[in-house]
Amino acid sequence: AYAKAGDATRAEALFDRLHESGRGDGALRAGYRLGRLLADRGETDRAVPYFEAATALVDDDTGARARFALGEIREGRKDWEGAAREFMLIGLLYRHDELTAEALWRAAAAYDAMEQR
């Protein structure tokens, strides 16, 4: 609710507290939300560990979105091999109709960028 209300500071504190509790999938989902807040503010270095942890949710929308976010971050850093790997893993590990096609297209674009080097 804090994130939707525009109170990023309170949302960040809440998500951090939930993530640090280490209580199962809920903690991983909170970590994803915290990573999303950080990435949206351009703090991608801080966001990466939260996204990486959330990829453990392999039967979950959150896990697929976390892996997609990692692909976008690596793509933004021109880490084409890392971006391709993250995007390809979405197609292999997750059953996500919305993200799979986009992820595979972006993996192909990352492979193409590697060949251009």
C-alpha atoms as a PDB file:
ATOM      1  CA  ALA A   1       0.000   0.000   0.000  1.00  0.00           C
ATOM      2  CA  TYR A   2       2.861   2.381   0.802  1.00  0.00           C
ATOM      3  CA  ALA A   3       4.435   1.809  -2.605  1.00  0.00           C
ATOM      4  CA  LYS A   4       1.152   2.560  -4.380  1.00  0.00           C
ATOM      5  CA  ALA A   5       0.630   5.644  -2.237  1.00  0.00           C
ATOM      6  CA  GLY A   6       4.033   6.981  -3.277  1.00  0.00           C
ATOM      7  CA  ASP A   7       5.711   6.512   0.104  1.00  0.00           C
ATOM      8  CA  ALA A   8       8.763   4.655  -1.177  1.00  0.00           C
ATOM      9  CA  THR A   9      10.741   5.104   2.034  1.00  0.00           C
ATOM     10  CA  ARG A  10       8.123   3.354   4.176  1.00  0.00           C
ATOM     11  CA  ALA A  11       7.545   0.704   1.510  1.00  0.00           C
ATOM     12  CA  GLU A  12      11.280   0.021   1.321  1.00  0.00           C
ATOM     13  CA  ALA A  13      11.515  -0.361   5.112  1.00  0.00           C
ATOM     14  CA  LEU A  14       8.524  -2.703   5.193  1.00  0.00           C
ATOM     15  CA  PHE A  15       9.736  -4.880   2.298  1.00  0.00           C
ATOM     16  CA  ASP A  16      13.222  -5.011   3.831  1.00  0.00           C
ATOM     17  CA  ARG A  17      11.839  -6.109   7.190  1.00  0.00           C
ATOM     18  CA  LEU A  18       9.701  -8.815   5.549  1.00  0.00           C
ATOM     19  CA  HIS A  19      12.597  -9.992   3.379  1.00  0.00           C
ATOM     20  CA  GLU A  20      14.983 -10.136   6.344  1.00  0.00           C
ATOM     21  CA  SER A  21      12.490 -12.246   8.299  1.00  0.00           C
ATOM     22  CA  GLY A  22      13.471 -15.106   6.001  1.00  0.00           C
ATOM     23  CA  ARG A  23      10.022 -16.632   6.296  1.00  0.00           C
ATOM     24  CA  GLY A  24       9.659 -18.649   3.115  1.00  0.00           C
ATOM     25  CA  ASP A  25       8.136 -17.501  -0.130  1.00  0.00           C
ATOM     26  CA  GLY A  26       6.659 -14.361   1.420  1.00  0.00           C
ATOM     27  CA  ALA A  27      10.153 -13.121   2.279  1.00  0.00           C
ATOM     28  CA  LEU A  28      11.303 -13.772  -1.298  1.00  0.00           C
ATOM     29  CA  ARG A  29       8.283 -11.922  -2.707  1.00  0.00           C
ATOM     30  CA  ALA A  30       8.996  -8.976  -0.384  1.00  0.00           C
ATOM     31  CA  GLY A  31      12.598  -9.017  -1.587  1.00  0.00           C
ATOM     32  CA  TYR A  32      11.395  -8.867  -5.182  1.00  0.00           C
ATOM     33  CA  ARG A  33       9.201  -5.855  -4.370  1.00  0.00           C
ATOM     34  CA  LEU A  34      12.149  -4.172  -2.663  1.00  0.00           C
ATOM     35  CA  GLY A  35      14.340  -4.911  -5.671  1.00  0.00           C
ATOM     36  CA  ARG A  36      11.678  -3.424  -7.941  1.00  0.00           C
ATOM     37  CA  LEU A  37      11.570  -0.213  -5.862  1.00  0.00           C
ATOM     38  CA  LEU A  38      15.357   0.056  -5.977  1.00  0.00           C
ATOM     39  CA  ALA A  39      15.604  -0.668  -9.702  1.00  0.00           C
ATOM     40  CA  ASP A  40      12.883   1.872 -10.469  1.00  0.00           C
ATOM     41  CA  ARG A  41      15.034   4.457  -8.666  1.00  0.00           C
ATOM     42  CA  GLY A  42      18.092   3.437 -10.704  1.00  0.00           C
ATOM     43  CA  GLU A  43      19.759   1.584  -7.815  1.00  0.00           C
ATOM     44  CA  THR A  44      20.313  -1.585  -9.813  1.00  0.00           C
ATOM     45  CA  ASP A  45      23.415  -2.720  -7.908  1.00  0.00           C
ATOM     46  CA  ARG A  46      21.351  -2.832  -4.721  1.00  0.00           C
ATOM     47  CA  ALA A  47      18.401  -4.468  -6.502  1.00  0.00           C
ATOM     48  CA  VAL A  48      20.300  -7.415  -8.015  1.00  0.00           C
ATOM     49  CA  PRO A  49      20.654  -9.546  -4.837  1.00  0.00           C
ATOM     50  CA  TYR A  50      16.931  -9.251  -4.115  1.00  0.00           C
ATOM     51  CA  PHE A  51      16.035 -10.282  -7.653  1.00  0.00           C
ATOM     52  CA  GLU A  52      18.522 -13.152  -7.548  1.00  0.00           C
ATOM     53  CA  ALA A  53      16.986 -14.468  -4.329  1.00  0.00           C
ATOM     54  CA  ALA A  54      13.458 -14.217  -5.757  1.00  0.00           C
ATOM     55  CA  THR A  55      14.373 -16.406  -8.754  1.00  0.00           C
ATOM     56  CA  ALA A  56      14.120 -19.343  -6.333  1.00  0.00           C
ATOM     57  CA  LEU A  57      10.345 -19.023  -6.799  1.00  0.00           C
ATOM     58  CA  VAL A  58      10.346 -21.203  -9.932  1.00  0.00           C
ATOM     59  CA  ASP A  59       6.626 -21.996  -9.889  1.00  0.00           C
ATOM     60  CA  ASP A  60       5.681 -18.398  -9.393  1.00  0.00           C
ATOM     61  CA  ASP A  61       5.008 -15.210 -11.341  1.00  0.00           C
ATOM     62  CA  THR A  62       7.364 -13.369  -8.995  1.00  0.00           C
ATOM     63  CA  GLY A  63      10.289 -15.639  -9.830  1.00  0.00           C
ATOM     64  CA  ALA A  64       9.791 -15.127 -13.563  1.00  0.00           C
ATOM     65  CA  ARG A  65       9.531 -11.358 -13.144  1.00  0.00           C
ATOM     66  CA  ALA A  66      12.660 -11.315 -10.970  1.00  0.00           C
ATOM     67  CA  ARG A  67      14.626 -13.208 -13.619  1.00  0.00           C
ATOM     68  CA  PHE A  68      13.278 -10.846 -16.311  1.00  0.00           C
ATOM     69  CA  ALA A  69      14.424  -7.863 -14.224  1.00  0.00           C
ATOM     70  CA  LEU A  70      17.905  -9.400 -13.988  1.00  0.00           C
ATOM     71  CA  GLY A  71      17.924  -9.787 -17.760  1.00  0.00           C
ATOM     72  CA  GLU A  72      16.973  -6.138 -18.189  1.00  0.00           C
ATOM     73  CA  ILE A  73      19.702  -5.002 -15.797  1.00  0.00           C
ATOM     74  CA  ARG A  74      22.346  -7.081 -17.578  1.00  0.00           C
ATOM     75  CA  GLU A  75      21.046  -5.832 -20.927  1.00  0.00           C
ATOM     76  CA  GLY A  76      21.376  -2.244 -19.696  1.00  0.00           C
ATOM     77  CA  ARG A  77      24.979  -2.941 -18.707  1.00  0.00           C
ATOM     78  CA  LYS A  78      25.656  -4.426 -22.145  1.00  0.00           C
ATOM     79  CA  ASP A  79      26.399  -7.770 -20.481  1.00  0.00           C
ATOM     80  CA  TRP A  80      24.919  -9.573 -23.469  1.00  0.00           C
ATOM     81  CA  GLU A  81      25.905 -13.059 -22.351  1.00  0.00           C
ATOM     82  CA  GLY A  82      24.354 -12.534 -18.911  1.00  0.00           C
ATOM     83  CA  ALA A  83      21.224 -10.984 -20.416  1.00  0.00           C
ATOM     84  CA  ALA A  84      20.806 -13.865 -22.874  1.00  0.00           C
ATOM     85  CA  ARG A  85      21.230 -16.400 -20.058  1.00  0.00           C
ATOM     86  CA  GLU A  86      18.622 -14.719 -17.828  1.00  0.00           C
ATOM     87  CA  PHE A  87      16.091 -14.358 -20.635  1.00  0.00           C
ATOM     88  CA  MET A  88      16.610 -17.949 -21.870  1.00  0.00           C
ATOM     89  CA  LEU A  89      16.100 -19.308 -18.357  1.00  0.00           C
ATOM     90  CA  ILE A  90      12.630 -17.790 -18.287  1.00  0.00           C
ATOM     91  CA  GLY A  91      11.652 -19.995 -21.214  1.00  0.00           C
ATOM     92  CA  LEU A  92      13.231 -23.039 -19.586  1.00  0.00           C
ATOM     93  CA  LEU A  93      12.206 -22.679 -15.931  1.00  0.00           C
ATOM     94  CA  TYR A  94       8.919 -20.821 -15.838  1.00  0.00           C
ATOM     95  CA  ARG A  95       5.482 -21.290 -17.350  1.00  0.00           C
ATOM     96  CA  HIS A  96       4.666 -17.651 -17.940  1.00  0.00           C
ATOM     97  CA  ASP A  97       2.650 -16.848 -21.050  1.00  0.00           C
ATOM     98  CA  GLU A  98       3.188 -13.104 -20.824  1.00  0.00           C
ATOM     99  CA  LEU A  99       6.952 -13.013 -20.286  1.00  0.00           C
ATOM    100  CA  THR A 100       8.223 -16.058 -22.173  1.00  0.00           C
ATOM    101  CA  ALA A 101       7.785 -14.717 -25.705  1.00  0.00           C
ATOM    102  CA  GLU A 102       9.294 -11.334 -24.799  1.00  0.00           C
ATOM    103  CA  ALA A 103      12.169 -13.000 -22.932  1.00  0.00           C
ATOM    104  CA  LEU A 104      13.038 -15.285 -25.837  1.00  0.00           C
ATOM    105  CA  TRP A 105      12.938 -12.371 -28.284  1.00  0.00           C
ATOM    106  CA  ARG A 106      15.263 -10.378 -26.016  1.00  0.00           C
ATOM    107  CA  ALA A 107      17.579 -13.380 -25.620  1.00  0.00           C
ATOM    108  CA  ALA A 108      17.856 -13.535 -29.411  1.00  0.00           C
ATOM    109  CA  ALA A 109      18.623  -9.805 -29.512  1.00  0.00           C
ATOM    110  CA  ALA A 110      21.330 -10.281 -26.861  1.00  0.00           C
ATOM    111  CA  TYR A 111      22.906 -13.122 -28.874  1.00  0.00           C
ATOM    112  CA  ASP A 112      22.784 -10.864 -31.916  1.00  0.00           C
ATOM    113  CA  ALA A 113      24.532  -8.090 -29.959  1.00  0.00           C
ATOM    114  CA  MET A 114      27.263 -10.564 -28.942  1.00  0.00           C
ATOM    115  CA  GLU A 115      27.911 -11.361 -32.594  1.00  0.00           C
ATOM    116  CA  GLN A 116      28.181  -7.636 -33.393  1.00  0.00           C
ATOM    117  CA  ARG A 117      31.146  -7.205 -31.044  1.00  0.00           C
END
